[in-house]
């Protein structure tokens, strides 16, 4: 009887453990672990000529202890190759081996990108210079463009590991007003599609419906600009209404361009008592 009971307990423990692996705390299916970080330490990036298809048993990978091969992009023809063991020297050896094949345009690890232009520092990831009402804005570098993939997201309309090209050095954020998160991997490219510098992992999230969207790059937290958030802290509170009241009464004038934009709640081109009242109504939920 004791052995039977112990068996049931062990079985249930295994079932719940598998459920914990497959689902997040909110019941969302977690993404493929390979796609959570296609630039992991046990992998390298390889670009092939357009007509070449790479698979685990391809001649290019002969003699390399490969665990998985994933296609990141068809144009450029990019793959990520995962090795069986997380060993830096094994990755380096594999890269040197595949570089001997004429079909290979380049192969490199996450931390070995080499720029052709000294303006791009290979030790520094893409730099955020600000946010707008609907976008994250990156530093503009002449001759270079940004590409990115979505690593994981709570929203269903994103395809993991699909390479996207930035327009005007910006990533547009979703217009939905619900709670959500998106994790991006962003890197710099030259005109040939060659990657440079260390990529940037970006966590974009809204903590609660109706609040601002935040951007976290591992060192800094940014709030996406939002109407009525006059002090730009990511929340709409009475403090914001008081800033507008003080401005209208000439007690403390608003001079910052972003604050003036956020304070003009009704978008009539000026900051007035109507805007302060609009913020009060927002806070009160009316």
Protein backbone atom coordinates (compact mmCIF):
# COMPACT_ATOMS: atom_id res chain seq x y z
CA UNK A 1 0.00 0.00 0.00
CA UNK A 2 2.82 2.37 0.90
CA UNK A 3 4.67 1.60 -2.38
CA UNK A 4 1.47 2.19 -4.38
CA UNK A 5 0.90 5.55 -2.67
CA UNK A 6 4.51 6.57 -3.22
CA UNK A 7 4.18 5.70 -6.90
CA UNK A 8 1.10 7.91 -7.27
CA UNK A 9 2.89 10.82 -5.57
CA UNK A 10 5.92 10.46 -7.85
CA UNK A 11 3.69 10.30 -10.93
CA UNK A 12 1.80 13.44 -9.91
CA UNK A 13 5.09 15.22 -9.18
CA UNK A 14 6.36 14.44 -12.68
CA UNK A 15 3.08 15.62 -14.27
CA UNK A 16 3.11 18.94 -12.42
CA UNK A 17 6.81 19.42 -13.21
CA UNK A 18 6.11 19.01 -16.92
CA UNK A 19 3.19 21.46 -16.66
CA UNK A 20 5.49 23.98 -15.00
CA UNK A 21 7.96 23.65 -17.86
CA UNK A 22 5.32 24.05 -20.57
CA UNK A 23 3.34 26.94 -19.10
CA UNK A 24 4.14 30.27 -17.49
CA UNK A 25 2.57 31.45 -14.23
CA UNK A 26 -0.22 33.11 -16.24
CA UNK A 27 -0.98 29.94 -18.20
CA UNK A 28 0.78 31.08 -21.38
CA UNK A 29 2.74 28.53 -23.39
CA UNK A 30 6.42 29.33 -23.20
CA UNK A 31 8.27 29.69 -26.51
CA UNK A 32 10.68 27.15 -27.90
CA UNK A 33 13.80 27.34 -25.65
CA UNK A 34 15.98 27.48 -28.77
CA UNK A 35 14.20 30.68 -29.80
CA UNK A 36 14.54 32.41 -26.41
CA UNK A 37 18.11 33.32 -27.26
CA UNK A 38 19.35 32.36 -30.73
CA UNK A 39 22.68 34.01 -29.77
CA UNK A 40 23.43 31.72 -26.83
CA UNK A 41 27.00 30.81 -25.86
CA UNK A 42 26.68 27.31 -27.33
CA UNK A 43 25.93 28.66 -30.81
CA UNK A 44 27.26 30.65 -33.74
CA UNK A 45 25.71 32.60 -36.59
CA UNK A 46 26.43 31.64 -40.18
CA UNK A 47 25.44 33.38 -43.41
CA UNK A 48 25.41 31.34 -46.62
CA UNK A 49 24.98 32.18 -50.26
CA UNK A 50 21.32 32.55 -51.18
CA UNK A 51 20.92 29.17 -52.90
CA UNK A 52 22.48 27.13 -50.06
CA UNK A 53 20.31 25.34 -47.48
CA UNK A 54 21.91 24.35 -44.16
CA UNK A 55 20.85 21.28 -42.20
CA UNK A 56 22.29 19.30 -39.31
CA UNK A 57 23.72 16.69 -41.71
CA UNK A 58 25.05 19.21 -44.27
CA UNK A 59 28.61 18.70 -45.52
CA UNK A 60 29.54 22.14 -44.17
CA UNK A 61 28.89 20.87 -40.62
CA UNK A 62 30.68 17.53 -40.96
CA UNK A 63 32.83 16.73 -37.91
CA UNK A 64 31.01 19.29 -35.75
CA UNK A 65 28.95 18.07 -32.78
CA UNK A 66 25.72 19.86 -33.77
CA UNK A 67 22.59 19.81 -31.62
CA UNK A 68 20.28 21.97 -33.71
CA UNK A 69 20.22 24.18 -36.81
CA UNK A 70 17.66 26.95 -37.15
CA UNK A 71 17.02 29.30 -40.08
CA UNK A 72 16.84 32.93 -38.92
CA UNK A 73 16.27 34.58 -42.26
CA UNK A 74 16.06 33.76 -45.98
CA UNK A 75 17.32 37.18 -47.05
CA UNK A 76 20.02 37.39 -45.95
CA UNK A 77 20.41 33.60 -45.74
CA UNK A 78 21.13 33.37 -41.99
CA UNK A 79 21.29 30.33 -39.73
CA UNK A 80 22.06 29.75 -36.07
CA UNK A 81 23.95 26.54 -35.28
CA UNK A 82 23.75 25.11 -31.74
CA UNK A 83 26.42 22.74 -30.47
CA UNK A 84 25.86 19.86 -28.07
CA UNK A 85 28.02 21.49 -25.37
CA UNK A 86 28.41 25.08 -24.21
CA UNK A 87 32.12 25.34 -24.83
CA UNK A 88 33.64 28.54 -26.21
CA UNK A 89 36.61 26.79 -27.81
CA UNK A 90 34.35 24.27 -29.57
CA UNK A 91 32.35 27.16 -31.05
CA UNK A 92 35.54 28.90 -32.22
CA UNK A 93 36.86 25.66 -33.78
CA UNK A 94 33.55 25.09 -35.56
CA UNK A 95 33.59 28.61 -36.98
CA UNK A 96 37.13 28.23 -38.31
CA UNK A 97 36.12 24.94 -39.94
CA UNK A 98 33.02 26.22 -41.75
CA UNK A 99 34.83 29.32 -43.01
CA UNK A 100 36.81 27.06 -45.38
CA UNK A 101 33.71 26.38 -47.49
CA UNK A 102 33.07 28.75 -50.44
CA UNK A 103 29.31 28.70 -49.72
CA UNK A 104 29.90 30.48 -46.39
CA UNK A 105 29.82 34.30 -46.50
CA UNK A 106 30.66 34.69 -42.82
CA UNK A 107 30.43 32.84 -39.50
CA UNK A 108 30.82 34.42 -36.08
CA UNK A 109 29.91 34.18 -32.42
CA UNK A 110 27.81 36.58 -30.40
CA UNK A 111 30.88 38.40 -29.06
CA UNK A 112 33.19 38.38 -32.07
CA UNK A 113 31.58 40.78 -34.52
CA UNK A 114 34.21 42.86 -36.28
CA UNK A 115 33.30 46.27 -37.74
CA UNK A 116 34.76 47.61 -40.96
CA UNK A 117 34.20 51.18 -39.80
CA UNK A 118 35.70 52.49 -36.51
CA UNK A 119 32.53 54.52 -35.83
CA UNK A 120 30.89 51.25 -34.71
CA UNK A 121 32.28 49.95 -31.43
CA UNK A 122 31.96 46.13 -31.35
CA UNK A 123 31.77 46.20 -27.56
CA UNK A 124 28.71 48.46 -27.49
CA UNK A 125 25.18 47.28 -28.39
CA UNK A 126 22.68 49.44 -30.32
CA UNK A 127 22.01 52.68 -28.46
CA UNK A 128 18.53 54.00 -27.59
CA UNK A 129 18.36 57.78 -27.92
CA UNK A 130 14.72 58.28 -26.94
CA UNK A 131 11.09 57.28 -27.28
CA UNK A 132 8.03 58.73 -28.98
CA UNK A 133 4.34 58.12 -28.40
CA UNK A 134 4.48 54.89 -30.42
CA UNK A 135 8.15 54.01 -31.00
CA UNK A 136 11.60 53.31 -29.54
CA UNK A 137 14.23 55.38 -31.35
CA UNK A 138 17.82 54.22 -31.91
CA UNK A 139 20.98 56.13 -32.73
CA UNK A 140 21.45 56.78 -36.45
CA UNK A 141 24.78 55.59 -37.88
CA UNK A 142 25.57 56.42 -41.50
CA UNK A 143 26.02 53.33 -43.64
CA UNK A 144 24.44 50.98 -41.10
CA UNK A 145 20.94 49.68 -40.47
CA UNK A 146 19.25 47.83 -37.61
CA UNK A 147 17.63 44.41 -37.71
CA UNK A 148 15.76 42.63 -34.96
CA UNK A 149 13.85 39.50 -34.01
CA UNK A 150 11.17 38.84 -31.40
CA UNK A 151 12.48 36.32 -28.86
CA UNK A 152 9.20 35.88 -27.00
CA UNK A 153 5.96 37.74 -26.37
CA UNK A 154 2.67 37.44 -24.51
CA UNK A 155 0.93 38.69 -27.66
CA UNK A 156 -0.05 36.09 -30.24
CA UNK A 157 0.61 38.03 -33.45
CA UNK A 158 4.42 37.83 -33.37
CA UNK A 159 6.55 35.26 -35.20
CA UNK A 160 9.61 34.26 -33.20
CA UNK A 161 13.04 34.53 -34.85
CA UNK A 162 11.67 36.26 -37.97
CA UNK A 163 14.29 38.83 -38.96
CA UNK A 164 12.83 42.33 -39.40
CA UNK A 165 14.46 45.47 -40.76
CA UNK A 166 13.98 48.72 -38.85
CA UNK A 167 12.47 51.74 -40.59
CA UNK A 168 13.90 55.17 -39.65
CA UNK A 169 15.87 53.50 -36.79
CA UNK A 170 12.61 52.87 -34.91
CA UNK A 171 10.69 49.93 -33.49
CA UNK A 172 6.96 50.61 -33.29
CA UNK A 173 5.25 49.38 -30.14
CA UNK A 174 1.80 47.71 -30.17
CA UNK A 175 -1.16 50.09 -29.92
CA UNK A 176 -3.10 47.68 -27.70
CA UNK A 177 -3.92 49.03 -24.23
CA UNK A 178 -3.70 45.67 -22.42
CA UNK A 179 -0.97 44.25 -20.19
CA UNK A 180 1.73 42.62 -22.33
CA UNK A 181 5.45 42.05 -22.88
CA UNK A 182 7.76 41.61 -25.87
CA UNK A 183 11.44 40.65 -25.80
CA UNK A 184 13.57 41.77 -28.75
CA UNK A 185 17.10 41.01 -29.94
CA UNK A 186 18.51 43.92 -31.98
CA UNK A 187 21.74 44.21 -33.93
CA UNK A 188 23.55 46.46 -36.39
CA UNK A 189 24.26 45.57 -40.04
CA UNK A 190 26.15 47.10 -42.92
CA UNK A 191 24.89 47.27 -46.50
CA UNK A 192 25.85 43.64 -47.18
CA UNK A 193 23.85 42.27 -44.26
CA UNK A 194 26.93 41.55 -42.13
CA UNK A 195 26.29 41.92 -38.40
CA UNK A 196 28.44 44.20 -36.24
CA UNK A 197 28.72 44.87 -32.53
CA UNK A 198 27.11 43.03 -29.65
CA UNK A 199 23.34 42.63 -30.03
CA UNK A 200 20.96 44.30 -27.58
CA UNK A 201 18.25 42.40 -25.70
CA UNK A 202 15.27 44.65 -25.05
CA UNK A 203 12.32 43.98 -22.72
CA UNK A 204 9.20 46.01 -23.61
CA UNK A 205 6.21 45.71 -21.29
CA UNK A 206 3.05 47.26 -19.91
CA UNK A 207 2.51 46.39 -16.24
CA UNK A 208 -1.20 47.23 -16.16
CA UNK A 209 -3.84 48.24 -18.69
CA UNK A 210 -4.03 52.00 -19.13
CA UNK A 211 -0.49 52.64 -17.92
CA UNK A 212 2.59 53.51 -19.93
CA UNK A 213 4.74 51.03 -21.79
CA UNK A 214 8.23 50.63 -20.32
CA UNK A 215 11.44 49.68 -22.12
CA UNK A 216 14.32 47.99 -20.26
CA UNK A 217 17.69 47.41 -21.94
CA UNK A 218 19.43 45.73 -19.01
CA UNK A 219 20.81 48.98 -17.63
CA UNK A 220 18.19 51.69 -18.16
CA UNK A 221 14.40 51.85 -17.94
CA UNK A 222 12.50 54.16 -20.29
CA UNK A 223 8.83 55.12 -20.28
CA UNK A 224 7.17 55.42 -23.69
CA UNK A 225 5.74 58.95 -23.92
CA UNK A 226 2.07 59.13 -22.99
CA UNK A 227 -0.48 61.95 -22.97
CA UNK A 228 -1.31 63.21 -19.41
CA UNK A 229 1.91 61.67 -18.00
CA UNK A 230 3.37 65.16 -17.59
CA UNK A 231 6.26 64.17 -15.30
CA UNK A 232 7.06 61.16 -17.57
CA UNK A 233 7.16 58.56 -14.78
CA UNK A 234 4.96 56.11 -16.65
CA UNK A 235 1.79 56.75 -14.65
CA UNK A 236 -1.11 59.22 -14.79
CA UNK A 237 -1.64 60.60 -11.28
CA UNK A 238 -2.76 63.74 -9.44
CA UNK A 239 0.86 64.89 -9.53
CA UNK A 240 0.52 65.36 -13.29
CA UNK A 241 -2.63 67.47 -12.91
CA UNK A 242 -0.90 69.65 -10.31
CA UNK A 243 2.00 70.31 -12.71
CA UNK A 244 -0.52 71.59 -15.25
CA UNK A 245 -2.34 73.72 -12.61
CA UNK A 246 0.95 75.27 -11.53
CA UNK A 247 1.77 76.05 -15.15
CA UNK A 248 -1.62 77.65 -15.85
CA UNK A 249 -1.40 79.75 -12.66
CA UNK A 250 2.15 80.77 -13.64
CA UNK A 251 3.48 79.36 -10.37
CA UNK A 252 5.89 76.96 -12.10
CA UNK A 253 5.96 77.12 -15.89
CA UNK A 254 6.51 74.05 -18.05
CA UNK A 255 9.34 74.59 -20.51
CA UNK A 256 10.33 71.04 -21.45
CA UNK A 257 8.99 70.17 -24.90
CA UNK A 258 7.98 66.65 -23.85
CA UNK A 259 6.09 67.95 -20.80
CA UNK A 260 4.24 70.52 -22.89
CA UNK A 261 3.25 67.79 -25.34
CA UNK A 262 2.04 65.48 -22.54
CA UNK A 263 0.17 68.32 -20.78
CA UNK A 264 -1.82 69.18 -23.90
CA UNK A 265 -4.28 66.39 -23.20
CA UNK A 266 -7.05 67.61 -25.50
CA UNK A 267 -4.55 68.27 -28.31
CA UNK A 268 -5.67 71.84 -28.98
CA UNK A 269 -2.11 73.16 -29.13
CA UNK A 270 -2.06 74.86 -25.71
CA UNK A 271 -1.92 73.95 -22.02
CA UNK A 272 -4.98 75.10 -20.08
CA UNK A 273 -7.33 74.27 -17.21
CA UNK A 274 -9.21 71.98 -19.58
CA UNK A 275 -6.12 69.77 -19.76
CA UNK A 276 -5.76 69.69 -15.97
CA UNK A 277 -9.44 68.74 -15.63
CA UNK A 278 -8.92 66.04 -18.25
CA UNK A 279 -6.15 64.52 -16.16
CA UNK A 280 -8.33 64.68 -13.02
CA UNK A 281 -11.08 62.80 -14.86
CA UNK A 282 -8.59 60.18 -16.06
CA UNK A 283 -7.33 59.63 -12.50
CA UNK A 284 -10.90 59.44 -11.20
CA UNK A 285 -11.80 56.95 -13.92
CA UNK A 286 -14.49 59.13 -15.48
